């Protein structure tokens, strides 16, 4: 398990990250037994815990969705050494103020205050090192996020034991087309599950939050739709919506408050499933309305060059017969996107993901 986790995060044998710069990572975690435990109140609690933990850890969220038995996060993880150097010791210690309502943090803040009063630089450095180990780190972020949600849920429901099914799944995602596709896949989760007909109707996803005016959500989706060049939210919102819905969306005609809308031919979920059963390929827009195992089990998603680069850095983890990293994806027209893990069966299935 340790080797697998190191591999997924792109680390070498010593635990140092092989790639430089920020990384985009899609993570998924499910409840134990995939039992549906989270209603609106639980999702609200998780929302508060998540964004407090993001602010503390230094990670940035691009897209998210909270479901009844699992959650998706698309995260930007900074390069730890560079980010810590920019903060400095005082900046690291200042991060604790975000968690000042927690008892364990209050004790730590008192210890810091005592060290300052006593002029104990060694003690301050020791505390700063412990706090730094928790920052800009995906594994630590997920560990603390899931633990805090477990404690909150168990306390409210008089429950004991683990809340989550094993460790989280993670996949490295390239910017540009891959990032946009994964963000849309996440926001379409409640549509695939049949909970809503449109993603904006589901309160607990990043698209609905962005349309509601949440700055952080808008900033993330702007990055997803235009990774290299920042654009205004109005432009990004239009592009993202068109991408999510695609040209295959079915539009039913009739009278609306704005006048009469003409019918537009398109594909229903049933028709999409029929295409899959017949062995036909879907467009990317159609595929995003199904569950795509590549987006959770593919390990790395991006261009051929991006996946090959990851493969080269992790060459020791593969057999001698494998000569390249990027693998073509089945069941839909994926364009130039490639995946590291070549899945054999049921790569695209109907329903929740």
Protein backbone atom coordinates (compact mmCIF):
# COMPACT_ATOMS: atom_id res chain seq x y z
CA UNK A 1 0.00 0.00 0.00
CA UNK A 2 2.81 2.42 0.78
CA UNK A 3 4.41 1.72 -2.59
CA UNK A 4 1.08 2.25 -4.34
CA UNK A 5 0.46 5.55 -2.57
CA UNK A 6 4.00 6.75 -3.35
CA UNK A 7 3.49 5.77 -6.98
CA UNK A 8 0.16 7.59 -7.30
CA UNK A 9 1.59 10.77 -5.82
CA UNK A 10 4.65 10.68 -8.07
CA UNK A 11 7.19 10.25 -5.28
CA UNK A 12 10.61 8.64 -5.35
CA UNK A 13 11.85 6.01 -2.88
CA UNK A 14 12.77 8.65 -0.28
CA UNK A 15 9.32 10.23 -0.43
CA UNK A 16 10.39 13.29 -2.41
CA UNK A 17 8.14 14.34 -5.26
CA UNK A 18 9.67 13.74 -8.68
CA UNK A 19 7.75 16.43 -10.56
CA UNK A 20 8.29 20.13 -9.93
CA UNK A 21 5.61 22.79 -9.67
CA UNK A 22 1.97 22.45 -8.67
CA UNK A 23 0.13 19.23 -9.49
CA UNK A 24 -3.57 18.73 -10.25
CA UNK A 25 -5.01 15.66 -8.55
CA UNK A 26 -8.50 14.13 -8.66
CA UNK A 27 -9.35 12.34 -5.40
CA UNK A 28 -12.35 10.20 -4.50
CA UNK A 29 -13.30 8.69 -1.16
CA UNK A 30 -16.32 6.54 -0.33
CA UNK A 31 -18.13 5.62 2.88
CA UNK A 32 -17.60 2.20 4.44
CA UNK A 33 -19.63 -0.31 2.48
CA UNK A 34 -20.66 2.60 0.21
CA UNK A 35 -23.57 3.16 2.59
CA UNK A 36 -25.55 6.35 1.93
CA UNK A 37 -24.92 8.33 5.11
CA UNK A 38 -24.85 11.97 4.10
CA UNK A 39 -27.96 14.11 3.84
CA UNK A 40 -28.04 17.89 3.43
CA UNK A 41 -26.99 18.55 7.03
CA UNK A 42 -24.00 16.22 6.81
CA UNK A 43 -22.98 17.75 3.48
CA UNK A 44 -23.12 21.22 5.04
CA UNK A 45 -20.85 20.07 7.87
CA UNK A 46 -18.46 18.50 5.36
CA UNK A 47 -18.48 21.72 3.32
CA UNK A 48 -17.36 23.75 6.37
CA UNK A 49 -14.68 21.24 7.35
CA UNK A 50 -13.38 21.03 3.78
CA UNK A 51 -12.90 24.73 3.20
CA UNK A 52 -11.36 25.32 6.59
CA UNK A 53 -8.94 22.46 5.93
CA UNK A 54 -8.13 23.84 2.48
CA UNK A 55 -7.31 27.24 3.95
CA UNK A 56 -5.03 25.67 6.53
CA UNK A 57 -3.28 23.17 4.28
CA UNK A 58 -2.53 25.49 1.37
CA UNK A 59 -4.20 23.26 -1.21
CA UNK A 60 -6.61 24.81 -3.72
CA UNK A 61 -9.83 23.22 -4.94
CA UNK A 62 -10.72 23.40 -8.64
CA UNK A 63 -13.97 21.41 -8.56
CA UNK A 64 -15.91 19.32 -6.04
CA UNK A 65 -19.05 17.32 -5.48
CA UNK A 66 -20.44 15.81 -2.26
CA UNK A 67 -22.73 12.80 -2.69
CA UNK A 68 -24.61 10.61 -0.23
CA UNK A 69 -21.86 8.00 0.00
CA UNK A 70 -18.75 9.59 -1.53
CA UNK A 71 -17.09 12.81 -2.58
CA UNK A 72 -14.93 14.05 -5.45
CA UNK A 73 -12.28 16.76 -5.21
CA UNK A 74 -10.09 18.17 -7.98
CA UNK A 75 -7.18 19.76 -6.13
CA UNK A 76 -4.17 21.87 -6.96
CA UNK A 77 -1.29 20.71 -4.76
CA UNK A 78 1.65 23.18 -4.62
CA UNK A 79 5.26 22.04 -4.57
CA UNK A 80 5.80 21.67 -0.83
CA UNK A 81 9.41 22.88 -0.52
CA UNK A 82 8.79 26.04 -2.54
CA UNK A 83 5.54 26.86 -0.74
CA UNK A 84 7.08 26.38 2.71
CA UNK A 85 10.09 28.52 1.81
CA UNK A 86 7.74 31.33 0.79
CA UNK A 87 5.91 31.13 4.13
CA UNK A 88 8.88 31.01 6.49
CA UNK A 89 8.67 29.88 10.10
CA UNK A 90 6.30 32.66 11.22
CA UNK A 91 4.03 32.09 8.26
CA UNK A 92 3.83 28.39 9.03
CA UNK A 93 2.88 29.05 12.65
CA UNK A 94 0.33 31.66 11.58
CA UNK A 95 -1.58 28.97 9.68
CA UNK A 96 -2.73 27.58 13.02
CA UNK A 97 -5.07 30.55 13.49
CA UNK A 98 -7.38 28.96 10.89
CA UNK A 99 -7.96 26.04 13.29
CA UNK A 100 -8.02 28.12 16.49
CA UNK A 101 -11.49 26.81 17.46
CA UNK A 102 -10.08 23.28 17.86
CA UNK A 103 -8.92 22.24 21.32
CA UNK A 104 -5.69 20.61 20.14
CA UNK A 105 -4.76 23.78 18.23
CA UNK A 106 -5.52 25.94 21.25
CA UNK A 107 -3.05 23.90 23.30
CA UNK A 108 -0.44 24.29 20.56
CA UNK A 109 -0.99 28.04 20.38
CA UNK A 110 -0.43 28.28 24.15
CA UNK A 111 2.78 26.33 23.78
CA UNK A 112 3.90 28.74 21.06
CA UNK A 113 3.08 31.71 23.27
CA UNK A 114 5.11 30.19 26.14
CA UNK A 115 8.09 29.61 23.83
CA UNK A 116 7.99 33.22 22.65
CA UNK A 117 7.82 34.58 26.16
CA UNK A 118 10.76 32.41 27.20
CA UNK A 119 12.75 33.23 24.05
CA UNK A 120 12.82 29.53 23.20
CA UNK A 121 13.75 29.59 19.49
CA UNK A 122 14.47 25.86 19.44
CA UNK A 123 11.00 25.09 20.78
CA UNK A 124 9.37 27.34 18.20
CA UNK A 125 11.33 25.70 15.42
CA UNK A 126 10.29 22.25 16.62
CA UNK A 127 6.60 23.23 16.59
CA UNK A 128 6.94 24.90 13.19
CA UNK A 129 8.44 21.71 11.74
CA UNK A 130 5.48 19.68 12.99
CA UNK A 131 3.00 22.14 11.53
CA UNK A 132 4.94 22.32 8.23
CA UNK A 133 4.61 18.54 7.85
CA UNK A 134 0.84 19.05 7.63
CA UNK A 135 0.93 21.77 4.97
CA UNK A 136 0.93 21.50 1.15
CA UNK A 137 0.61 17.73 1.43
CA UNK A 138 -2.20 15.73 -0.19
CA UNK A 139 -2.00 12.70 2.10
CA UNK A 140 -2.01 14.80 5.28
CA UNK A 141 -4.85 16.94 3.95
CA UNK A 142 -7.01 13.89 3.19
CA UNK A 143 -6.14 12.22 6.49
CA UNK A 144 -7.20 15.25 8.52
CA UNK A 145 -10.27 15.98 6.38
CA UNK A 146 -11.64 12.46 6.67
CA UNK A 147 -10.81 12.18 10.37
CA UNK A 148 -12.59 15.43 11.22
CA UNK A 149 -15.67 14.40 9.24
CA UNK A 150 -15.66 11.03 10.99
CA UNK A 151 -15.54 12.67 14.43
CA UNK A 152 -18.29 15.14 13.54
CA UNK A 153 -20.55 12.47 12.04
CA UNK A 154 -20.04 9.94 14.82
CA UNK A 155 -20.65 12.56 17.52
CA UNK A 156 -23.92 13.68 15.96
CA UNK A 157 -25.23 10.18 15.30
CA UNK A 158 -23.89 8.42 18.41
CA UNK A 159 -21.82 6.23 16.17
CA UNK A 160 -18.40 4.55 16.58
CA UNK A 161 -15.82 3.25 14.16
CA UNK A 162 -14.55 4.15 10.74
CA UNK A 163 -16.69 6.18 8.36
CA UNK A 164 -14.67 5.65 5.19
CA UNK A 165 -13.90 2.69 2.95
CA UNK A 166 -10.12 2.30 3.02
CA UNK A 167 -7.82 4.94 1.58
CA UNK A 168 -8.76 7.50 -1.00
CA UNK A 169 -8.26 7.04 -4.74
CA UNK A 170 -6.14 9.64 -6.51
CA UNK A 171 -5.28 10.42 -10.12
CA UNK A 172 -2.77 12.91 -11.53
CA UNK A 173 -4.40 15.23 -14.08
CA UNK A 174 -2.75 17.41 -16.71
CA UNK A 175 -3.93 20.98 -17.24
CA UNK A 176 -5.97 21.99 -20.28
CA UNK A 177 -8.30 19.42 -21.86
CA UNK A 178 -7.79 16.77 -19.16
CA UNK A 179 -8.45 19.23 -16.32
CA UNK A 180 -11.58 20.55 -18.02
CA UNK A 181 -12.91 17.02 -18.63
CA UNK A 182 -12.38 15.90 -15.02
CA UNK A 183 -13.96 19.09 -13.61
CA UNK A 184 -17.05 18.57 -15.78
CA UNK A 185 -17.14 14.89 -14.85
CA UNK A 186 -17.21 15.87 -11.17
CA UNK A 187 -19.93 18.50 -11.58
CA UNK A 188 -22.08 16.07 -13.59
CA UNK A 189 -22.00 13.48 -10.78
CA UNK A 190 -25.51 14.24 -9.46
CA UNK A 191 -26.87 14.16 -13.04
CA UNK A 192 -25.41 10.68 -13.58
CA UNK A 193 -26.94 9.58 -10.29
CA UNK A 194 -30.38 10.80 -11.39
CA UNK A 195 -30.67 13.24 -8.48
CA UNK A 196 -31.13 16.29 -10.73
CA UNK A 197 -31.54 16.97 -14.44
CA UNK A 198 -29.09 19.87 -14.44
CA UNK A 199 -25.88 20.25 -12.37
CA UNK A 200 -26.80 23.79 -11.28
CA UNK A 201 -29.79 22.32 -9.42
CA UNK A 202 -27.49 20.35 -7.10
CA UNK A 203 -26.31 22.57 -4.26
CA UNK A 204 -23.30 20.47 -3.31
CA UNK A 205 -21.19 20.77 -6.46
CA UNK A 206 -18.73 23.44 -7.59
CA UNK A 207 -20.77 24.49 -10.62
CA UNK A 208 -23.85 25.33 -8.55
CA UNK A 209 -21.65 27.15 -6.03
CA UNK A 210 -20.02 29.17 -8.82
CA UNK A 211 -23.39 30.16 -10.30
CA UNK A 212 -24.44 31.17 -6.77
CA UNK A 213 -21.57 33.66 -6.65
CA UNK A 214 -18.96 31.80 -4.60
CA UNK A 215 -15.61 33.35 -5.54
CA UNK A 216 -13.53 30.30 -4.74
CA UNK A 217 -15.73 28.10 -6.93
CA UNK A 218 -15.58 30.56 -9.81
CA UNK A 219 -11.81 30.84 -9.54
CA UNK A 220 -11.45 27.05 -9.72
CA UNK A 221 -13.67 26.63 -12.77
CA UNK A 222 -11.95 29.53 -14.54
CA UNK A 223 -8.70 27.58 -14.10
CA UNK A 224 -10.37 24.42 -15.38
CA UNK A 225 -11.72 26.00 -18.55
CA UNK A 226 -8.69 28.21 -19.30
CA UNK A 227 -5.69 26.77 -17.48
CA UNK A 228 -2.98 28.97 -18.98
CA UNK A 229 -4.76 32.30 -19.54
CA UNK A 230 -7.19 33.69 -16.99
CA UNK A 231 -10.51 34.91 -18.38
CA UNK A 232 -13.52 36.71 -16.82
CA UNK A 233 -16.06 34.52 -15.05
CA UNK A 234 -18.82 35.46 -17.52
CA UNK A 235 -16.78 34.08 -20.41
CA UNK A 236 -15.61 31.02 -18.46
CA UNK A 237 -19.16 30.22 -17.31
CA UNK A 238 -20.45 30.21 -20.89
CA UNK A 239 -17.61 28.02 -22.15
CA UNK A 240 -17.86 25.58 -19.24
CA UNK A 241 -21.61 25.20 -19.60
CA UNK A 242 -21.34 24.54 -23.33
CA UNK A 243 -18.65 21.96 -22.66
CA UNK A 244 -20.68 20.17 -19.97
CA UNK A 245 -23.84 20.00 -21.99
CA UNK A 246 -22.21 19.51 -25.38
CA UNK A 247 -23.94 19.35 -28.73
CA UNK A 248 -25.59 16.06 -27.80
CA UNK A 249 -27.96 17.54 -25.22
CA UNK A 250 -31.66 16.94 -25.78
CA UNK A 251 -33.81 20.11 -25.67
CA UNK A 252 -37.57 19.82 -25.47
CA UNK A 253 -39.55 22.59 -27.15
CA UNK A 254 -42.46 24.51 -25.72
CA UNK A 255 -43.47 27.75 -24.05
CA UNK A 256 -41.18 29.32 -21.46
CA UNK A 257 -41.22 32.64 -19.55
CA UNK A 258 -38.86 33.94 -22.23
CA UNK A 259 -40.99 32.80 -25.16
CA UNK A 260 -41.25 29.69 -27.29
CA UNK A 261 -38.22 27.38 -27.44
CA UNK A 262 -37.69 25.16 -30.45
CA UNK A 263 -37.04 21.49 -29.91
CA UNK A 264 -33.47 20.35 -30.40
CA UNK A 265 -32.62 16.76 -31.12
CA UNK A 266 -30.27 15.15 -28.68
CA UNK A 267 -29.44 12.10 -26.64
CA UNK A 268 -31.23 10.94 -23.51
CA UNK A 269 -29.47 8.85 -20.88
CA UNK A 270 -31.33 5.78 -22.16
CA UNK A 271 -30.11 6.41 -25.69
CA UNK A 272 -26.54 6.83 -24.47
CA UNK A 273 -26.78 3.48 -22.67
CA UNK A 274 -28.12 1.86 -25.84
CA UNK A 275 -25.11 3.11 -27.79
CA UNK A 276 -22.80 1.63 -25.16
CA UNK A 277 -24.56 -1.73 -25.24
CA UNK A 278 -24.28 -1.81 -29.02
CA UNK A 279 -20.54 -1.22 -28.80
CA UNK A 280 -20.64 2.26 -30.36
CA UNK A 281 -18.39 5.12 -29.27
CA UNK A 282 -19.74 8.18 -27.47
CA UNK A 283 -18.74 11.80 -27.89
CA UNK A 284 -16.85 13.24 -24.93
CA UNK A 285 -19.93 15.24 -23.89
CA UNK A 286 -22.05 12.06 -23.88
CA UNK A 287 -19.43 10.04 -22.03
CA UNK A 288 -19.20 12.63 -19.26
CA UNK A 289 -22.82 11.86 -18.40
CA UNK A 290 -21.82 8.28 -17.57
CA UNK A 291 -19.51 6.90 -14.93
CA UNK A 292 -15.97 6.81 -16.34
CA UNK A 293 -13.58 4.48 -14.54
CA UNK A 294 -10.63 6.13 -16.25
CA UNK A 295 -11.27 9.24 -14.14
CA UNK A 296 -10.85 7.35 -10.87
CA UNK A 297 -8.69 4.32 -11.71
CA UNK A 298 -6.54 5.59 -14.59
CA UNK A 299 -3.71 6.87 -12.31
CA UNK A 300 -2.67 9.65 -14.73
CA UNK A 301 -4.76 11.53 -17.31
CA UNK A 302 -3.39 13.90 -19.93
CA UNK A 303 -1.63 14.08 -23.29
CA UNK A 304 0.64 11.32 -24.56
CA UNK A 305 3.70 13.39 -23.62
CA UNK A 306 2.37 14.12 -20.11
CA UNK A 307 1.63 10.46 -19.33
CA UNK A 308 4.90 9.30 -20.92
CA UNK A 309 6.83 11.76 -18.76
CA UNK A 310 5.23 10.36 -15.62
CA UNK A 311 5.98 6.83 -16.84
CA UNK A 312 9.66 7.71 -17.39
CA UNK A 313 9.99 9.10 -13.86
CA UNK A 314 8.38 5.96 -12.38
CA UNK A 315 10.06 3.48 -14.77
CA UNK A 316 11.12 1.19 -11.91
CA UNK A 317 7.47 0.49 -11.08
CA UNK A 318 6.73 -1.13 -14.47
CA UNK A 319 7.72 -4.36 -16.14
CA UNK A 320 10.55 -4.50 -18.66
CA UNK A 321 8.23 -5.18 -21.60
CA UNK A 322 6.35 -1.91 -21.22
CA UNK A 323 7.99 0.78 -23.32
CA UNK A 324 5.65 3.77 -23.00
CA UNK A 325 3.17 5.30 -20.56
CA UNK A 326 0.22 6.70 -22.51
CA UNK A 327 -2.60 4.32 -23.35
CA UNK A 328 -5.56 5.05 -25.63
CA UNK A 329 -8.95 5.11 -23.92
CA UNK A 330 -11.90 2.99 -25.07
CA UNK A 331 -15.66 3.48 -25.52
CA UNK A 332 -15.67 7.19 -26.44
CA UNK A 333 -13.94 9.74 -28.64
CA UNK A 334 -11.39 11.11 -26.16
CA UNK A 335 -9.38 13.22 -28.60
CA UNK A 336 -5.73 13.50 -27.55
CA UNK A 337 -6.33 12.39 -23.96
CA UNK A 338 -4.38 9.36 -22.74
CA UNK A 339 -4.34 7.37 -19.51
CA UNK A 340 -1.57 5.46 -17.74
CA UNK A 341 -3.57 2.40 -16.70
CA UNK A 342 -5.10 0.35 -19.51
CA UNK A 343 -8.46 -0.76 -18.09
CA UNK A 344 -9.92 -3.87 -19.69
CA UNK A 345 -13.64 -4.03 -18.86
CA UNK A 346 -16.49 -1.63 -18.09
CA UNK A 347 -14.50 1.55 -18.61
CA UNK A 348 -17.69 3.57 -19.16
CA UNK A 349 -20.85 2.57 -17.32
CA UNK A 350 -24.15 4.28 -16.66
CA UNK A 351 -24.91 5.78 -13.29
CA UNK A 352 -23.19 7.48 -10.39
CA UNK A 353 -19.42 7.87 -10.19
